[in-house]
N, C-alpha and C. Protein backbone atom coordinates (compact mmCIF):
# COMPACT_ATOMS: atom_id res chain seq x y z
N MET A 1 -27.28 1.09 -14.95
CA MET A 1 -27.55 1.12 -13.19
C MET A 1 -28.28 0.91 -12.55
N ASN A 2 -28.77 0.61 -11.84
CA ASN A 2 -30.01 0.56 -11.34
C ASN A 2 -29.24 0.57 -9.94
N VAL A 3 -28.58 1.64 -9.06
CA VAL A 3 -28.35 1.37 -8.17
C VAL A 3 -29.22 2.61 -6.89
N VAL A 4 -29.51 1.60 -5.70
CA VAL A 4 -30.42 2.10 -4.62
C VAL A 4 -29.10 2.53 -3.65
N TRP A 5 -29.68 3.88 -3.89
CA TRP A 5 -28.67 4.34 -2.60
C TRP A 5 -29.33 4.75 -1.38
N GLN A 6 -28.75 4.55 0.01
CA GLN A 6 -29.01 4.46 1.46
C GLN A 6 -28.53 5.40 2.35
N VAL A 7 -29.28 6.24 2.77
CA VAL A 7 -28.32 6.73 3.96
C VAL A 7 -28.71 6.60 5.15
N ASP A 8 -27.59 6.39 6.12
CA ASP A 8 -28.06 5.81 7.27
C ASP A 8 -28.97 4.27 7.30
N PRO A 9 -28.40 3.39 6.89
CA PRO A 9 -28.76 2.18 6.95
C PRO A 9 -28.36 1.61 8.04
N ARG A 10 -29.52 0.07 8.40
CA ARG A 10 -29.19 -0.43 9.97
C ARG A 10 -28.24 -1.08 9.23
N LEU A 11 -27.04 -0.63 10.59
CA LEU A 11 -25.48 -1.40 10.18
C LEU A 11 -26.13 -3.22 10.76
N ASP A 12 -27.08 -3.87 10.44
CA ASP A 12 -26.94 -5.01 10.84
C ASP A 12 -25.78 -5.88 10.85
N GLU A 13 -25.20 -7.30 10.87
CA GLU A 13 -24.27 -8.09 10.70
C GLU A 13 -24.26 -8.27 9.05
N ARG A 14 -24.94 -8.78 8.28
CA ARG A 14 -24.69 -8.44 6.82
C ARG A 14 -24.11 -7.62 6.47
N LEU A 15 -24.78 -6.36 6.41
CA LEU A 15 -24.19 -5.08 5.50
C LEU A 15 -22.62 -4.90 6.49
N ARG A 16 -22.68 -5.03 7.64
CA ARG A 16 -21.11 -4.91 8.26
C ARG A 16 -20.24 -5.60 7.38
N GLU A 17 -20.60 -6.97 7.38
CA GLU A 17 -19.70 -7.73 6.29
C GLU A 17 -19.13 -7.75 5.09
N GLU A 18 -20.70 -7.16 4.43
CA GLU A 18 -20.48 -6.70 3.34
C GLU A 18 -19.42 -5.42 2.89
N ILE A 19 -19.57 -4.23 3.67
CA ILE A 19 -18.82 -3.37 3.99
C ILE A 19 -17.16 -3.76 4.03
N VAL A 20 -17.02 -4.95 5.29
CA VAL A 20 -16.07 -5.04 5.44
C VAL A 20 -15.38 -5.22 4.16
N ASN A 21 -15.84 -6.36 3.43
CA ASN A 21 -15.73 -6.91 2.18
C ASN A 21 -15.36 -6.63 1.34
N LEU A 22 -16.14 -5.25 0.85
CA LEU A 22 -15.76 -4.15 -0.08
C LEU A 22 -14.63 -3.62 0.08
N TRP A 23 -14.43 -3.37 1.69
CA TRP A 23 -12.83 -2.63 1.96
C TRP A 23 -12.28 -3.14 2.05
N HIS A 24 -11.82 -4.57 1.98
CA HIS A 24 -10.60 -5.53 1.52
C HIS A 24 -10.53 -5.47 0.08
N ALA A 25 -11.59 -5.57 -0.20
CA ALA A 25 -11.50 -5.96 -1.71
C ALA A 25 -10.61 -4.65 -2.53
N ALA A 26 -11.23 -3.09 -2.25
CA ALA A 26 -10.80 -1.77 -2.66
C ALA A 26 -9.27 -1.92 -1.92
N SER A 27 -9.08 -2.07 -0.65
CA SER A 27 -7.40 -2.16 -0.34
C SER A 27 -6.49 -2.91 -1.13
N GLU A 28 -7.14 -4.30 -1.67
CA GLU A 28 -6.09 -5.15 -1.90
C GLU A 28 -5.87 -4.92 -3.36
N ALA A 29 -6.98 -3.85 -4.07
CA ALA A 29 -6.51 -3.24 -5.33
C ALA A 29 -5.89 -2.07 -5.67
N GLY A 30 -5.18 -1.91 -4.15
CA GLY A 30 -4.79 -0.57 -4.49
C GLY A 30 -5.19 1.17 -3.88
N GLY A 31 -6.40 0.52 -4.03
CA GLY A 31 -7.17 2.14 -3.03
C GLY A 31 -6.58 2.49 -2.39
N ALA A 32 -6.47 3.70 -2.07
CA ALA A 32 -6.43 4.54 -0.95
C ALA A 32 -7.30 4.80 -0.03
N VAL A 33 -7.62 3.57 0.22
CA VAL A 33 -9.04 3.51 1.68
C VAL A 33 -8.48 3.24 3.47
N GLY A 34 -7.21 3.60 3.31
CA GLY A 34 -6.56 3.48 4.67
C GLY A 34 -5.80 2.53 4.87
N PHE A 35 -5.19 1.45 3.62
CA PHE A 35 -4.19 0.44 4.03
C PHE A 35 -3.53 0.69 2.84
N VAL A 36 -2.68 0.02 2.54
CA VAL A 36 -1.44 -0.48 1.65
C VAL A 36 -1.33 -2.20 0.98
N PRO A 37 -1.71 -2.67 0.01
CA PRO A 37 -1.91 -3.84 -0.23
C PRO A 37 -0.31 -4.52 0.01
N PRO A 38 -0.21 -5.74 0.59
CA PRO A 38 -1.26 -6.58 1.03
C PRO A 38 -1.82 -6.00 2.37
N VAL A 39 -2.76 -6.61 2.88
CA VAL A 39 -3.77 -6.37 3.21
C VAL A 39 -4.65 -6.89 4.27
N GLU A 40 -4.49 -7.57 5.46
CA GLU A 40 -4.86 -8.33 6.09
C GLU A 40 -6.49 -7.99 6.17
N ARG A 41 -7.62 -9.11 6.00
CA ARG A 41 -8.65 -8.74 6.18
C ARG A 41 -8.79 -8.45 7.78
N ASP A 42 -8.74 -8.86 8.53
CA ASP A 42 -8.96 -8.55 10.06
C ASP A 42 -8.33 -7.11 10.62
N ALA A 43 -6.98 -6.67 9.64
CA ALA A 43 -7.24 -5.39 9.69
C ALA A 43 -8.04 -4.55 9.38
N VAL A 44 -8.54 -4.97 8.04
CA VAL A 44 -9.76 -3.97 7.71
C VAL A 44 -10.88 -3.89 8.77
N ALA A 45 -11.09 -5.52 9.24
CA ALA A 45 -12.34 -5.30 10.09
C ALA A 45 -12.30 -4.87 11.42
N ALA A 46 -11.08 -4.33 11.98
CA ALA A 46 -10.77 -3.34 13.13
C ALA A 46 -10.80 -1.84 13.05
N LEU A 47 -10.82 -1.46 11.78
CA LEU A 47 -11.05 -0.16 11.93
C LEU A 47 -12.19 -0.20 11.16
N ALA A 48 -13.22 -1.22 10.26
CA ALA A 48 -14.34 -0.85 10.39
C ALA A 48 -15.37 -0.73 11.43
N ARG A 49 -14.78 -1.88 12.34
CA ARG A 49 -15.43 -1.70 13.94
C ARG A 49 -15.74 -0.29 14.72
N ALA A 50 -14.23 0.52 14.26
CA ALA A 50 -14.04 1.23 15.22
C ALA A 50 -14.90 2.71 14.45
N THR A 51 -14.86 2.76 12.93
CA THR A 51 -15.46 3.41 11.89
C THR A 51 -17.34 3.39 12.14
N PHE A 52 -17.30 2.41 12.23
CA PHE A 52 -18.77 1.63 13.11
C PHE A 52 -19.25 2.54 13.93
N ALA A 53 -18.56 2.32 15.28
CA ALA A 53 -18.68 3.04 16.37
C ALA A 53 -18.96 4.52 15.76
N GLY A 54 -18.84 5.33 15.07
CA GLY A 54 -19.02 6.79 14.89
C GLY A 54 -20.38 6.45 14.02
N ILE A 55 -20.34 5.77 13.67
CA ILE A 55 -22.14 5.85 13.04
C ILE A 55 -23.07 5.52 14.20
N GLU A 56 -22.86 4.50 15.18
CA GLU A 56 -23.63 3.81 16.16
C GLU A 56 -23.89 5.43 16.78
N ASP A 57 -22.86 5.89 17.36
CA ASP A 57 -23.17 6.77 18.46
C ASP A 57 -23.86 8.18 17.65
N GLY A 58 -23.93 8.47 16.92
CA GLY A 58 -24.98 9.46 15.53
C GLY A 58 -23.99 10.11 15.59
N GLU A 59 -22.74 10.27 15.65
CA GLU A 59 -21.89 11.43 15.43
C GLU A 59 -21.80 11.81 13.45
N ASP A 60 -21.09 10.05 13.05
CA ASP A 60 -21.07 10.37 11.29
C ASP A 60 -22.56 9.56 10.83
N ARG A 61 -22.12 9.80 9.80
CA ARG A 61 -23.11 8.70 8.64
C ARG A 61 -22.89 7.90 8.03
N LEU A 62 -23.49 6.89 6.58
CA LEU A 62 -22.91 5.93 6.02
C LEU A 62 -24.33 5.86 4.61
N LEU A 63 -23.17 6.02 3.68
CA LEU A 63 -24.08 5.95 2.62
C LEU A 63 -23.77 5.04 1.91
N VAL A 64 -24.03 4.10 1.53
CA VAL A 64 -24.19 3.08 0.62
C VAL A 64 -24.85 2.98 -0.70
N GLY A 65 -24.09 2.06 -1.22
CA GLY A 65 -25.24 1.76 -2.96
C GLY A 65 -25.12 0.37 -3.10
N HIS A 66 -26.44 -0.32 -3.51
CA HIS A 66 -26.31 -1.47 -3.95
C HIS A 66 -27.26 -1.83 -5.44
N ASP A 67 -26.27 -2.47 -6.08
CA ASP A 67 -27.05 -2.78 -7.94
C ASP A 67 -27.00 -4.29 -7.85
N GLU A 68 -28.05 -4.35 -8.35
CA GLU A 68 -29.00 -5.70 -7.58
C GLU A 68 -28.16 -6.56 -7.01
N GLY A 69 -28.99 -5.53 -5.70
CA GLY A 69 -28.44 -6.66 -4.30
C GLY A 69 -27.01 -6.99 -4.02
N ARG A 70 -26.01 -6.41 -4.77
CA ARG A 70 -24.77 -5.84 -4.63
C ARG A 70 -24.12 -4.76 -3.66
N LEU A 71 -23.50 -5.02 -3.01
CA LEU A 71 -23.07 -3.74 -2.80
C LEU A 71 -21.74 -2.86 -3.31
N ILE A 72 -21.77 -1.91 -3.92
CA ILE A 72 -20.80 -1.17 -5.03
C ILE A 72 -20.25 -0.22 -4.58
N GLY A 73 -20.95 0.33 -3.89
CA GLY A 73 -19.79 1.60 -3.19
C GLY A 73 -20.42 2.23 -2.00
N LEU A 74 -19.82 2.81 -1.26
CA LEU A 74 -20.18 3.52 0.01
C LEU A 74 -18.67 4.84 0.46
N LEU A 75 -19.41 5.51 1.40
CA LEU A 75 -18.36 6.42 1.92
C LEU A 75 -19.02 6.46 3.38
N PHE A 76 -18.59 7.43 4.20
CA PHE A 76 -18.95 8.20 5.25
C PHE A 76 -18.50 9.39 5.72
N PHE A 77 -19.84 9.64 6.18
CA PHE A 77 -19.81 11.56 6.26
C PHE A 77 -18.86 11.49 7.60
N ALA A 78 -17.91 11.87 8.01
CA ALA A 78 -17.82 12.53 9.12
C ALA A 78 -17.46 13.54 10.18
N SER A 79 -18.39 13.32 11.00
CA SER A 79 -18.82 14.47 11.92
C SER A 79 -17.20 15.37 12.35
N ASN A 80 -17.06 16.42 12.35
CA ASN A 80 -15.71 17.25 13.08
C ASN A 80 -16.04 17.38 14.48
N ARG A 81 -16.91 16.77 14.98
CA ARG A 81 -16.66 16.74 16.24
C ARG A 81 -16.52 18.20 17.09
N PHE A 82 -16.56 19.59 16.01
CA PHE A 82 -16.31 20.80 16.80
C PHE A 82 -17.47 21.88 16.78
N HIS A 83 -18.14 22.26 17.37
CA HIS A 83 -18.94 22.86 17.41
C HIS A 83 -19.20 23.80 16.36
N LEU A 84 -17.63 24.57 15.88
CA LEU A 84 -17.60 25.67 14.91
C LEU A 84 -17.58 24.94 13.55
N LYS A 85 -17.51 24.00 13.81
CA LYS A 85 -17.13 22.88 12.44
C LYS A 85 -18.59 22.57 11.53
N MET A 86 -19.56 22.68 12.56
CA MET A 86 -20.67 21.71 12.39
C MET A 86 -21.12 21.97 11.05
N HIS A 87 -20.57 22.77 10.27
CA HIS A 87 -21.37 23.57 9.02
C HIS A 87 -21.14 22.53 7.94
N TRP A 88 -20.32 21.26 7.91
CA TRP A 88 -19.43 20.76 7.22
C TRP A 88 -19.21 19.75 7.71
N ARG A 89 -18.58 18.82 6.43
CA ARG A 89 -18.48 17.78 6.68
C ARG A 89 -17.43 16.46 5.53
N THR A 90 -16.63 15.87 6.39
CA THR A 90 -15.46 15.17 5.86
C THR A 90 -15.78 13.84 5.11
N LEU A 91 -15.47 13.48 3.66
CA LEU A 91 -15.82 11.99 3.52
C LEU A 91 -14.74 11.45 3.74
N LYS A 92 -15.14 10.18 3.88
CA LYS A 92 -14.22 9.55 4.04
C LYS A 92 -14.03 8.03 3.34
N ARG A 93 -13.08 7.86 3.33
CA ARG A 93 -13.40 6.00 2.90
C ARG A 93 -14.51 5.95 1.55
N VAL A 94 -14.30 6.74 0.96
CA VAL A 94 -14.72 6.92 -0.85
C VAL A 94 -14.31 5.50 -1.66
N MET A 95 -15.00 4.72 -1.74
CA MET A 95 -15.23 3.37 -2.20
C MET A 95 -16.06 2.73 -3.04
N ILE A 96 -15.68 2.20 -4.59
CA ILE A 96 -16.38 1.41 -5.42
C ILE A 96 -15.54 0.39 -5.39
N HIS A 97 -16.39 -0.79 -5.27
CA HIS A 97 -16.17 -2.18 -6.12
C HIS A 97 -14.85 -2.30 -6.83
N PRO A 98 -14.08 -2.83 -6.75
CA PRO A 98 -13.17 -2.73 -8.14
C PRO A 98 -13.42 -3.48 -9.51
N GLU A 99 -14.23 -4.37 -8.84
CA GLU A 99 -14.94 -5.59 -10.10
C GLU A 99 -15.96 -4.24 -10.74
N THR A 100 -16.71 -2.96 -10.25
CA THR A 100 -17.69 -2.28 -10.89
C THR A 100 -17.06 -1.05 -11.45
N GLN A 101 -15.76 -0.90 -10.99
CA GLN A 101 -15.04 0.59 -11.06
C GLN A 101 -15.36 0.46 -13.41
N GLY A 102 -15.04 2.18 -13.39
CA GLY A 102 -15.06 2.27 -14.72
C GLY A 102 -16.59 2.07 -15.41
N ARG A 103 -17.80 2.28 -14.53
CA ARG A 103 -19.34 2.12 -14.74
C ARG A 103 -20.47 3.40 -14.82
N GLY A 104 -19.18 4.41 -14.05
CA GLY A 104 -20.44 5.75 -13.66
C GLY A 104 -20.29 5.73 -12.04
N TYR A 105 -20.09 4.75 -11.29
CA TYR A 105 -20.62 4.53 -9.90
C TYR A 105 -19.79 5.81 -9.28
N GLY A 106 -19.03 5.94 -9.88
CA GLY A 106 -17.75 7.03 -8.29
C GLY A 106 -18.44 8.13 -9.33
N ARG A 107 -19.09 8.60 -10.03
CA ARG A 107 -19.80 9.92 -10.15
C ARG A 107 -21.03 9.80 -9.53
N ALA A 108 -21.57 8.75 -9.44
CA ALA A 108 -23.19 8.78 -9.08
C ALA A 108 -23.12 8.76 -7.51
N LEU A 109 -21.71 8.18 -7.01
CA LEU A 109 -22.06 8.17 -5.27
C LEU A 109 -21.66 9.89 -5.28
N LEU A 110 -20.69 10.31 -5.62
CA LEU A 110 -20.29 11.35 -5.08
C LEU A 110 -21.37 12.70 -5.47
N ALA A 111 -22.32 12.29 -6.44
CA ALA A 111 -23.71 13.52 -7.00
C ALA A 111 -24.35 12.64 -5.79
N GLU A 112 -24.84 11.56 -5.39
CA GLU A 112 -25.29 11.27 -3.75
C GLU A 112 -24.78 12.02 -3.05
N ALA A 113 -23.63 11.80 -2.34
CA ALA A 113 -23.54 12.66 -1.63
C ALA A 113 -23.49 14.01 -1.48
N GLU A 114 -23.48 14.51 -2.53
CA GLU A 114 -23.86 15.93 -2.75
C GLU A 114 -25.33 16.32 -2.21
N ARG A 115 -26.20 15.61 -2.90
CA ARG A 115 -27.33 15.60 -2.45
C ARG A 115 -27.67 15.24 -1.22
N VAL A 116 -27.06 14.00 -0.47
CA VAL A 116 -27.55 14.35 0.94
C VAL A 116 -26.86 15.27 1.77
N ALA A 117 -26.07 15.81 1.57
CA ALA A 117 -25.39 16.72 2.00
C ALA A 117 -26.02 18.44 2.01
N ARG A 118 -26.65 18.55 0.74
CA ARG A 118 -27.32 19.61 0.72
C ARG A 118 -28.63 19.53 1.33
N ALA A 119 -29.20 18.06 1.82
CA ALA A 119 -30.47 18.39 2.25
C ALA A 119 -30.32 18.06 3.64
N SER A 120 -29.26 17.81 4.06
CA SER A 120 -29.00 18.02 5.60
C SER A 120 -28.23 19.17 6.22
N GLY A 121 -28.29 20.00 5.31
CA GLY A 121 -27.50 21.58 5.70
C GLY A 121 -26.43 21.84 5.80
N TRP A 122 -25.17 20.92 5.07
CA TRP A 122 -24.23 21.12 5.09
C TRP A 122 -24.01 22.55 4.08
N GLU A 123 -22.90 23.14 4.40
CA GLU A 123 -22.17 24.31 3.45
C GLU A 123 -21.09 23.47 2.47
N ALA A 124 -20.75 22.65 2.96
CA ALA A 124 -19.38 22.35 2.18
C ALA A 124 -18.98 20.81 2.62
N LEU A 125 -17.99 19.94 1.43
CA LEU A 125 -17.97 18.34 1.91
C LEU A 125 -15.60 18.54 1.46
N HIS A 126 -15.78 18.12 2.39
CA HIS A 126 -14.68 18.16 2.51
C HIS A 126 -13.64 16.66 2.35
N LEU A 127 -12.76 16.38 1.89
CA LEU A 127 -12.15 14.68 1.42
C LEU A 127 -10.71 15.44 1.45
N THR A 128 -10.06 13.89 1.43
CA THR A 128 -8.29 14.45 1.33
C THR A 128 -8.32 12.81 0.54
N VAL A 129 -7.36 13.22 -0.60
CA VAL A 129 -6.83 11.94 -1.00
C VAL A 129 -4.97 11.68 -1.23
N ARG A 130 -4.65 10.70 -1.54
CA ARG A 130 -3.32 10.33 -1.36
C ARG A 130 -2.54 10.60 -2.70
N ALA A 131 -1.46 11.24 -3.02
CA ALA A 131 -1.07 11.88 -4.16
C ALA A 131 -0.35 10.58 -4.66
N GLY A 132 -0.16 10.64 -5.79
CA GLY A 132 0.47 9.44 -6.49
C GLY A 132 -0.38 8.72 -7.12
N ASN A 133 -2.13 8.67 -6.89
CA ASN A 133 -2.79 7.40 -7.74
C ASN A 133 -3.61 8.06 -8.88
N GLY A 134 -3.79 9.29 -8.74
CA GLY A 134 -4.25 10.08 -9.56
C GLY A 134 -5.97 10.38 -9.20
N THR A 135 -6.16 10.03 -8.60
CA THR A 135 -7.78 10.39 -7.59
C THR A 135 -8.25 11.59 -7.83
N GLU A 136 -6.90 12.54 -7.37
CA GLU A 136 -7.08 14.52 -7.41
C GLU A 136 -8.04 14.88 -8.56
N ARG A 137 -7.60 14.27 -10.09
CA ARG A 137 -8.46 14.43 -11.21
C ARG A 137 -9.45 14.25 -11.03
N PHE A 138 -10.28 12.66 -10.72
CA PHE A 138 -11.74 12.71 -10.41
C PHE A 138 -12.60 13.34 -9.60
N TYR A 139 -11.68 13.58 -8.65
CA TYR A 139 -12.65 14.88 -7.38
C TYR A 139 -12.83 16.30 -8.30
N ARG A 140 -11.55 16.19 -8.88
CA ARG A 140 -12.09 17.42 -9.76
C ARG A 140 -12.72 17.85 -10.68
N LEU A 141 -13.02 16.55 -11.37
CA LEU A 141 -13.90 16.77 -12.27
C LEU A 141 -15.54 16.74 -11.55
N ALA A 142 -15.56 16.60 -10.44
CA ALA A 142 -16.61 16.21 -9.87
C ALA A 142 -16.80 17.52 -8.93
N GLY A 143 -16.09 18.38 -9.32
CA GLY A 143 -16.34 20.18 -8.71
C GLY A 143 -15.30 20.30 -7.52
N TYR A 144 -14.59 19.15 -6.58
CA TYR A 144 -13.38 19.44 -5.63
C TYR A 144 -12.71 20.26 -6.07
N LYS A 145 -11.93 21.10 -5.49
CA LYS A 145 -11.23 22.45 -5.59
C LYS A 145 -9.70 21.63 -4.84
N GLU A 146 -8.71 21.53 -5.36
CA GLU A 146 -7.68 21.49 -4.15
C GLU A 146 -7.48 22.93 -3.10
N VAL A 147 -7.45 22.29 -1.85
CA VAL A 147 -7.57 23.51 -0.96
C VAL A 147 -6.24 23.69 0.15
N GLY A 148 -5.07 22.71 -0.54
CA GLY A 148 -3.73 22.61 0.59
C GLY A 148 -3.88 21.07 0.40
N ARG A 149 -2.34 20.94 0.54
CA ARG A 149 -1.05 20.27 0.33
C ARG A 149 -0.28 19.51 1.61
N LEU A 150 -0.23 18.60 2.15
CA LEU A 150 0.67 18.12 3.34
C LEU A 150 1.91 17.77 2.69
N PRO A 151 3.16 18.12 2.37
CA PRO A 151 4.20 17.43 1.82
C PRO A 151 4.59 15.80 2.72
N ASN A 152 4.83 14.64 1.95
CA ASN A 152 5.35 13.48 2.37
C ASN A 152 4.68 13.08 3.76
N ALA A 153 2.82 13.39 3.76
CA ALA A 153 2.34 13.48 5.07
C ALA A 153 1.86 11.91 5.25
N ILE A 154 2.16 11.25 3.65
CA ILE A 154 1.07 9.67 4.33
C ILE A 154 2.66 8.23 3.73
N ARG A 155 2.96 7.52 4.38
CA ARG A 155 3.97 7.28 4.46
C ARG A 155 3.40 5.32 4.17
N VAL A 156 3.41 5.21 2.89
CA VAL A 156 3.00 4.00 2.05
C VAL A 156 4.15 2.63 2.70
N ALA A 157 5.34 3.26 2.56
CA ALA A 157 6.11 2.31 3.31
C ALA A 157 7.71 3.02 2.95
N PRO A 158 8.42 2.21 3.28
CA PRO A 158 10.07 2.86 3.95
C PRO A 158 10.50 3.41 2.55
N GLY A 159 10.70 4.51 2.37
CA GLY A 159 11.17 5.40 1.01
C GLY A 159 10.09 5.76 0.12
N ASP A 160 8.73 5.84 0.42
CA ASP A 160 7.76 6.11 -0.34
C ASP A 160 6.75 7.26 0.37
N SER A 161 6.93 8.14 0.46
CA SER A 161 6.03 9.20 1.59
C SER A 161 5.15 10.26 -0.13
N ARG A 162 4.04 10.12 0.30
CA ARG A 162 3.22 10.70 -0.80
C ARG A 162 2.45 12.22 -0.08
N ASP A 163 2.42 12.96 -0.40
CA ASP A 163 1.28 13.72 0.12
C ASP A 163 0.04 13.84 0.14
N GLU A 164 -0.78 14.28 1.20
CA GLU A 164 -1.81 14.12 1.49
C GLU A 164 -2.92 15.81 0.84
N ILE A 165 -3.41 15.41 0.16
CA ILE A 165 -4.09 16.17 -0.59
C ILE A 165 -5.52 16.49 0.08
N HIS A 166 -5.86 17.96 0.17
CA HIS A 166 -7.02 18.50 0.69
C HIS A 166 -7.70 18.78 -0.18
N MET A 167 -8.85 18.68 -0.38
CA MET A 167 -10.25 18.96 -1.11
C MET A 167 -11.32 19.41 -0.84
N TRP A 168 -12.15 20.34 -1.62
CA TRP A 168 -13.16 21.08 -0.75
C TRP A 168 -13.88 21.46 -1.61
N LEU A 169 -15.44 21.02 -1.61
CA LEU A 169 -16.44 21.47 -2.30
C LEU A 169 -17.71 22.07 -0.98
N PRO A 170 -17.59 23.34 -2.12
CA PRO A 170 -18.57 24.64 -1.53
C PRO A 170 -20.04 23.84 -2.13
N LEU A 171 -20.63 23.97 -1.19
CA LEU A 171 -22.60 23.56 -1.48
C LEU A 171 -23.22 25.02 -1.54
N ARG A 172 -22.88 25.89 -1.51
CA ARG A 172 -23.60 27.02 -1.38
C ARG A 172 -22.72 28.28 -2.16
């Protein structure tokens, strides 16, 4: 694994396309990153554009990882946009390319996110997961604790609602 991590990279057209491609691939593979397969690439691109706006206005931050020049993973640090909550951030759209899963990239991505958070002076990281995918176990192994659950908050299909699990990683 020769991952080069970069925080707040320049969002040029090439990187934007790489992000949309990875996000689409993760969504099609069943990743809980805002969509349920099948998903049109244009739908992913539209949400990506809105997400990029948060980075461009300086509120949010982006962490990407490339291995041998290929984008293999990313996440967004979302600001709470509220002065009483500026000491922590929410991780959004945590994803590893489906073709590279099982190689330790996910653990490495979370470790790098924690490093960036500590260097930024944040006191905690928060994320949500969609119940039923098994990802809560992955985050527990990385030190995150379940701190709450919204029953049936995510409707993935008619008759298929899932809990939204809130997880927290204190950094102090």
